[in-house]
Full PDB file with SEQRES, HELIX, SHEET, SSBOND, CRYST1, ORIGX, SCALE, CONECT and MASTER records, all heavy atoms in Angstrom:
SEQRES   1 A   30  ASP LYS ILE ASP PRO GLU ASN LEU ALA LYS ASN SER ALA          
SEQRES   2 A   30  ALA ILE ALA VAL VAL ALA TRP ALA LEU ALA GLU MET PRO          
SEQRES   3 A   30  GLU PRO LEU PRO                                              
HELIX    1 AA1 PRO A    5  GLU A   24  1                                  20    
CRYST1    1.000    1.000    1.000  90.00  90.00  90.00 P 1           1          
ORIGX1      1.000000  0.000000  0.000000        0.00000                         
ORIGX2      0.000000  1.000000  0.000000        0.00000                         
ORIGX3      0.000000  0.000000  1.000000        0.00000                         
SCALE1      1.000000  0.000000  0.000000        0.00000                         
SCALE2      0.000000  1.000000  0.000000        0.00000                         
SCALE3      0.000000  0.000000  1.000000        0.00000                         
ATOM      1  N   ASP A   1     -42.333  39.190 -27.030  1.00  0.00           N  
ATOM      2  CA  ASP A   1     -41.986  37.829 -26.864  1.00  0.00           C  
ATOM      3  C   ASP A   1     -41.760  37.077 -28.193  1.00  0.00           C  
ATOM      4  O   ASP A   1     -41.374  35.925 -28.217  1.00  0.00           O  
ATOM      5  CB  ASP A   1     -43.142  37.086 -25.988  1.00  0.00           C  
ATOM      6  CG  ASP A   1     -44.408  37.174 -26.520  1.00  0.00           C  
ATOM      7  OD1 ASP A   1     -44.881  38.251 -26.921  1.00  0.00           O  
ATOM      8  OD2 ASP A   1     -45.170  36.068 -26.646  1.00  0.00           O  
ATOM      9  N   LYS A   2     -42.286  37.592 -29.295  1.00  0.00           N  
ATOM     10  CA  LYS A   2     -42.166  37.008 -30.612  1.00  0.00           C  
ATOM     11  C   LYS A   2     -40.836  37.362 -31.304  1.00  0.00           C  
ATOM     12  O   LYS A   2     -40.491  36.691 -32.346  1.00  0.00           O  
ATOM     13  CB  LYS A   2     -43.255  37.424 -31.566  1.00  0.00           C  
ATOM     14  CG  LYS A   2     -44.714  37.377 -30.935  1.00  0.00           C  
ATOM     15  CD  LYS A   2     -45.070  35.848 -30.554  1.00  0.00           C  
ATOM     16  CE  LYS A   2     -46.503  35.768 -30.319  1.00  0.00           C  
ATOM     17  NZ  LYS A   2     -47.085  36.728 -29.309  1.00  0.00           N  
ATOM     18  N   ILE A   3     -39.979  38.165 -30.715  1.00  0.00           N  
ATOM     19  CA  ILE A   3     -38.833  38.525 -31.313  1.00  0.00           C  
ATOM     20  C   ILE A   3     -37.728  37.247 -31.182  1.00  0.00           C  
ATOM     21  O   ILE A   3     -37.572  36.571 -30.348  1.00  0.00           O  
ATOM     22  CB  ILE A   3     -38.074  39.597 -30.436  1.00  0.00           C  
ATOM     23  CG1 ILE A   3     -38.831  40.941 -30.624  1.00  0.00           C  
ATOM     24  CG2 ILE A   3     -36.597  39.758 -30.938  1.00  0.00           C  
ATOM     25  CD1 ILE A   3     -38.359  42.063 -29.917  1.00  0.00           C  
ATOM     26  N   ASP A   4     -37.219  37.016 -32.428  1.00  0.00           N  
ATOM     27  CA  ASP A   4     -36.208  36.020 -32.649  1.00  0.00           C  
ATOM     28  C   ASP A   4     -34.914  36.610 -32.279  1.00  0.00           C  
ATOM     29  O   ASP A   4     -34.300  37.482 -33.023  1.00  0.00           O  
ATOM     30  CB  ASP A   4     -36.197  35.540 -34.143  1.00  0.00           C  
ATOM     31  CG  ASP A   4     -35.208  34.428 -34.404  1.00  0.00           C  
ATOM     32  OD1 ASP A   4     -34.191  34.301 -33.614  1.00  0.00           O  
ATOM     33  OD2 ASP A   4     -35.274  33.865 -35.380  1.00  0.00           O  
ATOM     34  N   PRO A   5     -34.261  36.216 -31.118  1.00  0.00           N  
ATOM     35  CA  PRO A   5     -32.989  36.860 -30.689  1.00  0.00           C  
ATOM     36  C   PRO A   5     -31.837  36.792 -31.799  1.00  0.00           C  
ATOM     37  O   PRO A   5     -31.140  37.715 -31.971  1.00  0.00           O  
ATOM     38  CB  PRO A   5     -32.658  35.916 -29.491  1.00  0.00           C  
ATOM     39  CG  PRO A   5     -33.937  35.466 -28.959  1.00  0.00           C  
ATOM     40  CD  PRO A   5     -34.694  35.290 -30.230  1.00  0.00           C  
ATOM     41  N   GLU A   6     -31.791  35.691 -32.580  1.00  0.00           N  
ATOM     42  CA  GLU A   6     -30.730  35.551 -33.560  1.00  0.00           C  
ATOM     43  C   GLU A   6     -31.029  36.584 -34.608  1.00  0.00           C  
ATOM     44  O   GLU A   6     -30.113  37.189 -35.192  1.00  0.00           O  
ATOM     45  CB  GLU A   6     -30.657  34.154 -34.133  1.00  0.00           C  
ATOM     46  CG  GLU A   6     -29.594  33.884 -35.125  1.00  0.00           C  
ATOM     47  CD  GLU A   6     -29.492  32.566 -35.675  1.00  0.00           C  
ATOM     48  OE1 GLU A   6     -30.064  31.625 -35.036  1.00  0.00           O  
ATOM     49  OE2 GLU A   6     -28.651  32.363 -36.638  1.00  0.00           O  
ATOM     50  N   ASN A   7     -32.186  36.647 -35.117  1.00  0.00           N  
ATOM     51  CA  ASN A   7     -32.474  37.591 -36.158  1.00  0.00           C  
ATOM     52  C   ASN A   7     -32.354  39.009 -35.664  1.00  0.00           C  
ATOM     53  O   ASN A   7     -31.830  39.885 -36.556  1.00  0.00           O  
ATOM     54  CB  ASN A   7     -34.055  37.337 -36.643  1.00  0.00           C  
ATOM     55  CG  ASN A   7     -34.305  37.810 -38.037  1.00  0.00           C  
ATOM     56  OD1 ASN A   7     -33.482  38.187 -38.734  1.00  0.00           O  
ATOM     57  ND2 ASN A   7     -35.618  38.054 -38.303  1.00  0.00           N  
ATOM     58  N   LEU A   8     -32.670  39.322 -34.450  1.00  0.00           N  
ATOM     59  CA  LEU A   8     -32.498  40.607 -33.919  1.00  0.00           C  
ATOM     60  C   LEU A   8     -31.041  41.015 -33.898  1.00  0.00           C  
ATOM     61  O   LEU A   8     -30.647  42.099 -34.214  1.00  0.00           O  
ATOM     62  CB  LEU A   8     -33.046  40.750 -32.444  1.00  0.00           C  
ATOM     63  CG  LEU A   8     -32.920  42.150 -31.875  1.00  0.00           C  
ATOM     64  CD1 LEU A   8     -33.555  43.265 -32.622  1.00  0.00           C  
ATOM     65  CD2 LEU A   8     -33.551  42.063 -30.385  1.00  0.00           C  
ATOM     66  N   ALA A   9     -30.216  40.109 -33.430  1.00  0.00           N  
ATOM     67  CA  ALA A   9     -28.727  40.233 -33.447  1.00  0.00           C  
ATOM     68  C   ALA A   9     -28.178  40.462 -34.808  1.00  0.00           C  
ATOM     69  O   ALA A   9     -27.146  41.404 -35.030  1.00  0.00           O  
ATOM     70  CB  ALA A   9     -28.099  39.066 -32.727  1.00  0.00           C  
ATOM     71  N   LYS A  10     -28.680  39.735 -35.752  1.00  0.00           N  
ATOM     72  CA  LYS A  10     -28.092  40.072 -37.206  1.00  0.00           C  
ATOM     73  C   LYS A  10     -28.544  41.264 -37.686  1.00  0.00           C  
ATOM     74  O   LYS A  10     -27.853  42.002 -38.332  1.00  0.00           O  
ATOM     75  CB  LYS A  10     -28.664  38.875 -38.082  1.00  0.00           C  
ATOM     76  CG  LYS A  10     -27.961  37.488 -37.945  1.00  0.00           C  
ATOM     77  CD  LYS A  10     -28.552  36.512 -38.911  1.00  0.00           C  
ATOM     78  CE  LYS A  10     -27.844  35.116 -38.732  1.00  0.00           C  
ATOM     79  NZ  LYS A  10     -28.311  34.150 -39.645  1.00  0.00           N  
ATOM     80  N   ASN A  11     -29.843  41.675 -37.552  1.00  0.00           N  
ATOM     81  CA  ASN A  11     -30.338  42.995 -37.947  1.00  0.00           C  
ATOM     82  C   ASN A  11     -29.475  44.168 -37.266  1.00  0.00           C  
ATOM     83  O   ASN A  11     -29.133  45.061 -37.976  1.00  0.00           O  
ATOM     84  CB  ASN A  11     -31.893  43.077 -37.473  1.00  0.00           C  
ATOM     85  CG  ASN A  11     -32.644  42.761 -38.704  1.00  0.00           C  
ATOM     86  OD1 ASN A  11     -32.648  43.227 -39.849  1.00  0.00           O  
ATOM     87  ND2 ASN A  11     -33.626  41.800 -38.407  1.00  0.00           N  
ATOM     88  N   SER A  12     -29.310  44.002 -35.963  1.00  0.00           N  
ATOM     89  CA  SER A  12     -28.533  45.012 -35.234  1.00  0.00           C  
ATOM     90  C   SER A  12     -27.156  45.124 -35.688  1.00  0.00           C  
ATOM     91  O   SER A  12     -26.731  46.235 -35.889  1.00  0.00           O  
ATOM     92  CB  SER A  12     -28.447  44.683 -33.776  1.00  0.00           C  
ATOM     93  OG  SER A  12     -29.804  44.666 -33.284  1.00  0.00           O  
ATOM     94  N   ALA A  13     -26.548  44.066 -36.108  1.00  0.00           N  
ATOM     95  CA  ALA A  13     -25.052  44.075 -36.563  1.00  0.00           C  
ATOM     96  C   ALA A  13     -25.137  44.729 -37.979  1.00  0.00           C  
ATOM     97  O   ALA A  13     -24.228  45.537 -38.266  1.00  0.00           O  
ATOM     98  CB  ALA A  13     -24.608  42.663 -36.527  1.00  0.00           C  
ATOM     99  N   ALA A  14     -26.157  44.267 -38.739  1.00  0.00           N  
ATOM    100  CA  ALA A  14     -26.132  44.779 -40.223  1.00  0.00           C  
ATOM    101  C   ALA A  14     -26.433  46.279 -40.116  1.00  0.00           C  
ATOM    102  O   ALA A  14     -25.740  47.086 -40.768  1.00  0.00           O  
ATOM    103  CB  ALA A  14     -27.221  44.133 -40.915  1.00  0.00           C  
ATOM    104  N   ILE A  15     -27.351  46.815 -39.357  1.00  0.00           N  
ATOM    105  CA  ILE A  15     -27.639  48.304 -39.307  1.00  0.00           C  
ATOM    106  C   ILE A  15     -26.414  49.001 -38.786  1.00  0.00           C  
ATOM    107  O   ILE A  15     -26.020  50.042 -39.303  1.00  0.00           O  
ATOM    108  CB  ILE A  15     -28.875  48.498 -38.446  1.00  0.00           C  
ATOM    109  CG1 ILE A  15     -30.113  47.916 -39.143  1.00  0.00           C  
ATOM    110  CG2 ILE A  15     -29.060  49.868 -38.080  1.00  0.00           C  
ATOM    111  CD1 ILE A  15     -31.371  47.855 -38.317  1.00  0.00           C  
ATOM    112  N   ALA A  16     -25.693  48.475 -37.747  1.00  0.00           N  
ATOM    113  CA  ALA A  16     -24.567  49.175 -37.245  1.00  0.00           C  
ATOM    114  C   ALA A  16     -23.492  49.219 -38.310  1.00  0.00           C  
ATOM    115  O   ALA A  16     -22.799  50.300 -38.520  1.00  0.00           O  
ATOM    116  CB  ALA A  16     -24.041  48.401 -35.946  1.00  0.00           C  
ATOM    117  N   VAL A  17     -23.199  48.253 -39.102  1.00  0.00           N  
ATOM    118  CA  VAL A  17     -22.186  48.174 -40.039  1.00  0.00           C  
ATOM    119  C   VAL A  17     -22.680  49.139 -41.213  1.00  0.00           C  
ATOM    120  O   VAL A  17     -21.591  49.824 -41.598  1.00  0.00           O  
ATOM    121  CB  VAL A  17     -21.858  46.681 -40.568  1.00  0.00           C  
ATOM    122  CG1 VAL A  17     -21.018  46.781 -41.871  1.00  0.00           C  
ATOM    123  CG2 VAL A  17     -21.282  45.868 -39.362  1.00  0.00           C  
ATOM    124  N   VAL A  18     -23.871  49.121 -41.628  1.00  0.00           N  
ATOM    125  CA  VAL A  18     -24.183  50.008 -42.730  1.00  0.00           C  
ATOM    126  C   VAL A  18     -24.177  51.369 -42.240  1.00  0.00           C  
ATOM    127  O   VAL A  18     -23.588  52.235 -42.911  1.00  0.00           O  
ATOM    128  CB  VAL A  18     -25.585  49.588 -43.193  1.00  0.00           C  
ATOM    129  CG1 VAL A  18     -26.090  50.691 -44.151  1.00  0.00           C  
ATOM    130  CG2 VAL A  18     -25.658  48.228 -43.879  1.00  0.00           C  
ATOM    131  N   ALA A  19     -24.626  51.760 -41.022  1.00  0.00           N  
ATOM    132  CA  ALA A  19     -24.461  53.118 -40.558  1.00  0.00           C  
ATOM    133  C   ALA A  19     -22.914  53.500 -40.417  1.00  0.00           C  
ATOM    134  O   ALA A  19     -22.593  54.664 -40.881  1.00  0.00           O  
ATOM    135  CB  ALA A  19     -25.186  53.184 -39.037  1.00  0.00           C  
ATOM    136  N   TRP A  20     -22.042  52.686 -39.950  1.00  0.00           N  
ATOM    137  CA  TRP A  20     -20.644  52.985 -39.993  1.00  0.00           C  
ATOM    138  C   TRP A  20     -20.133  53.195 -41.336  1.00  0.00           C  
ATOM    139  O   TRP A  20     -19.406  54.169 -41.574  1.00  0.00           O  
ATOM    140  CB  TRP A  20     -19.986  51.855 -39.263  1.00  0.00           C  
ATOM    141  CG  TRP A  20     -18.512  51.895 -39.421  1.00  0.00           C  
ATOM    142  CD1 TRP A  20     -17.609  52.684 -38.731  1.00  0.00           C  
ATOM    143  CD2 TRP A  20     -17.545  51.206 -40.338  1.00  0.00           C  
ATOM    144  NE1 TRP A  20     -16.291  52.519 -39.144  1.00  0.00           N  
ATOM    145  CE2 TRP A  20     -16.294  51.456 -40.134  1.00  0.00           C  
ATOM    146  CE3 TRP A  20     -17.988  50.088 -41.335  1.00  0.00           C  
ATOM    147  CZ2 TRP A  20     -15.253  50.951 -40.858  1.00  0.00           C  
ATOM    148  CZ3 TRP A  20     -16.890  49.634 -42.059  1.00  0.00           C  
ATOM    149  CH2 TRP A  20     -15.577  49.986 -41.778  1.00  0.00           C  
ATOM    150  N   ALA A  21     -20.455  52.407 -42.273  1.00  0.00           N  
ATOM    151  CA  ALA A  21     -20.001  52.474 -43.786  1.00  0.00           C  
ATOM    152  C   ALA A  21     -20.427  53.837 -44.352  1.00  0.00           C  
ATOM    153  O   ALA A  21     -19.631  54.486 -44.792  1.00  0.00           O  
ATOM    154  CB  ALA A  21     -20.427  51.288 -44.571  1.00  0.00           C  
ATOM    155  N   LEU A  22     -21.672  54.145 -44.129  1.00  0.00           N  
ATOM    156  CA  LEU A  22     -22.190  55.489 -44.706  1.00  0.00           C  
ATOM    157  C   LEU A  22     -21.593  56.595 -44.088  1.00  0.00           C  
ATOM    158  O   LEU A  22     -21.287  57.622 -44.718  1.00  0.00           O  
ATOM    159  CB  LEU A  22     -23.754  55.385 -44.597  1.00  0.00           C  
ATOM    160  CG  LEU A  22     -24.544  54.391 -45.312  1.00  0.00           C  
ATOM    161  CD1 LEU A  22     -26.042  54.443 -44.897  1.00  0.00           C  
ATOM    162  CD2 LEU A  22     -24.377  54.561 -46.798  1.00  0.00           C  
ATOM    163  N   ALA A  23     -21.243  56.584 -42.832  1.00  0.00           N  
ATOM    164  CA  ALA A  23     -20.565  57.633 -42.074  1.00  0.00           C  
ATOM    165  C   ALA A  23     -19.104  57.744 -42.566  1.00  0.00           C  
ATOM    166  O   ALA A  23     -18.538  58.973 -42.555  1.00  0.00           O  
ATOM    167  CB  ALA A  23     -20.632  57.424 -40.627  1.00  0.00           C  
ATOM    168  N   GLU A  24     -18.458  56.565 -42.894  1.00  0.00           N  
ATOM    169  CA  GLU A  24     -17.005  56.696 -43.154  1.00  0.00           C  
ATOM    170  C   GLU A  24     -16.689  56.908 -44.630  1.00  0.00           C  
ATOM    171  O   GLU A  24     -15.628  57.178 -45.068  1.00  0.00           O  
ATOM    172  CB  GLU A  24     -16.436  55.441 -42.638  1.00  0.00           C  
ATOM    173  CG  GLU A  24     -16.285  55.332 -40.974  1.00  0.00           C  
ATOM    174  CD  GLU A  24     -15.558  56.491 -40.421  1.00  0.00           C  
ATOM    175  OE1 GLU A  24     -14.495  56.742 -41.023  1.00  0.00           O  
ATOM    176  OE2 GLU A  24     -15.917  57.002 -39.452  1.00  0.00           O  
ATOM    177  N   MET A  25     -17.704  56.553 -45.590  1.00  0.00           N  
ATOM    178  CA  MET A  25     -17.522  56.561 -47.002  1.00  0.00           C  
ATOM    179  C   MET A  25     -17.073  58.070 -47.370  1.00  0.00           C  
ATOM    180  O   MET A  25     -17.652  59.026 -46.821  1.00  0.00           O  
ATOM    181  CB  MET A  25     -18.713  56.110 -47.645  1.00  0.00           C  
ATOM    182  CG  MET A  25     -19.076  54.698 -47.653  1.00  0.00           C  
ATOM    183  SD  MET A  25     -20.699  54.226 -48.325  1.00  0.00           S  
ATOM    184  CE  MET A  25     -20.388  54.709 -50.022  1.00  0.00           C  
ATOM    185  N   PRO A  26     -16.124  58.250 -48.241  1.00  0.00           N  
ATOM    186  CA  PRO A  26     -15.716  59.536 -48.628  1.00  0.00           C  
ATOM    187  C   PRO A  26     -16.648  60.336 -49.413  1.00  0.00           C  
ATOM    188  O   PRO A  26     -16.734  61.572 -49.357  1.00  0.00           O  
ATOM    189  CB  PRO A  26     -14.408  59.332 -49.363  1.00  0.00           C  
ATOM    190  CG  PRO A  26     -14.364  57.940 -49.870  1.00  0.00           C  
ATOM    191  CD  PRO A  26     -15.322  57.181 -48.776  1.00  0.00           C  
ATOM    192  N   GLU A  27     -17.589  59.701 -50.090  1.00  0.00           N  
ATOM    193  CA  GLU A  27     -18.615  60.200 -50.828  1.00  0.00           C  
ATOM    194  C   GLU A  27     -19.995  59.603 -50.462  1.00  0.00           C  
ATOM    195  O   GLU A  27     -20.097  58.493 -50.016  1.00  0.00           O  
ATOM    196  CB  GLU A  27     -18.506  59.895 -52.311  1.00  0.00           C  
ATOM    197  CG  GLU A  27     -17.272  60.509 -53.008  1.00  0.00           C  
ATOM    198  CD  GLU A  27     -17.188  61.988 -53.064  1.00  0.00           C  
ATOM    199  OE1 GLU A  27     -18.310  62.623 -53.235  1.00  0.00           O  
ATOM    200  OE2 GLU A  27     -16.147  62.689 -52.824  1.00  0.00           O  
ATOM    201  N   PRO A  28     -21.095  60.403 -50.482  1.00  0.00           N  
ATOM    202  CA  PRO A  28     -22.392  59.905 -50.145  1.00  0.00           C  
ATOM    203  C   PRO A  28     -22.892  59.031 -51.264  1.00  0.00           C  
ATOM    204  O   PRO A  28     -22.372  59.089 -52.320  1.00  0.00           O  
ATOM    205  CB  PRO A  28     -23.278  61.167 -50.041  1.00  0.00           C  
ATOM    206  CG  PRO A  28     -22.539  62.120 -50.840  1.00  0.00           C  
ATOM    207  CD  PRO A  28     -21.097  61.844 -50.838  1.00  0.00           C  
ATOM    208  N   LEU A  29     -23.896  58.195 -50.943  1.00  0.00           N  
ATOM    209  CA  LEU A  29     -24.448  57.356 -51.896  1.00  0.00           C  
ATOM    210  C   LEU A  29     -25.258  58.273 -52.996  1.00  0.00           C  
ATOM    211  O   LEU A  29     -25.806  59.245 -52.527  1.00  0.00           O  
ATOM    212  CB  LEU A  29     -25.485  56.447 -51.400  1.00  0.00           C  
ATOM    213  CG  LEU A  29     -25.019  55.235 -50.442  1.00  0.00           C  
ATOM    214  CD1 LEU A  29     -26.088  54.382 -49.969  1.00  0.00           C  
ATOM    215  CD2 LEU A  29     -24.062  54.330 -51.361  1.00  0.00           C  
ATOM    216  N   PRO A  30     -25.098  57.802 -54.256  1.00  0.00           N  
ATOM    217  CA  PRO A  30     -25.732  58.736 -55.225  1.00  0.00           C  
ATOM    218  C   PRO A  30     -27.310  58.516 -55.124  1.00  0.00           C  
ATOM    219  O   PRO A  30     -27.814  57.636 -54.633  1.00  0.00           O  
ATOM    220  CB  PRO A  30     -25.355  58.133 -56.624  1.00  0.00           C  
ATOM    221  CG  PRO A  30     -24.901  56.794 -56.266  1.00  0.00           C  
ATOM    222  CD  PRO A  30     -24.452  56.769 -54.782  1.00  0.00           C  
TER     223      PRO A  30                                                      
MASTER        0    0    0    1    0    0    0    6  222    1    0    3          
END                                                                             
């Protein structure tokens, strides 16, 4: 009940985009 829905949505979007980027990047992060 303490979850901030807006913060959760931003975190979820950011994690999804970062995961997508890491999967699609031609080279892994150093």
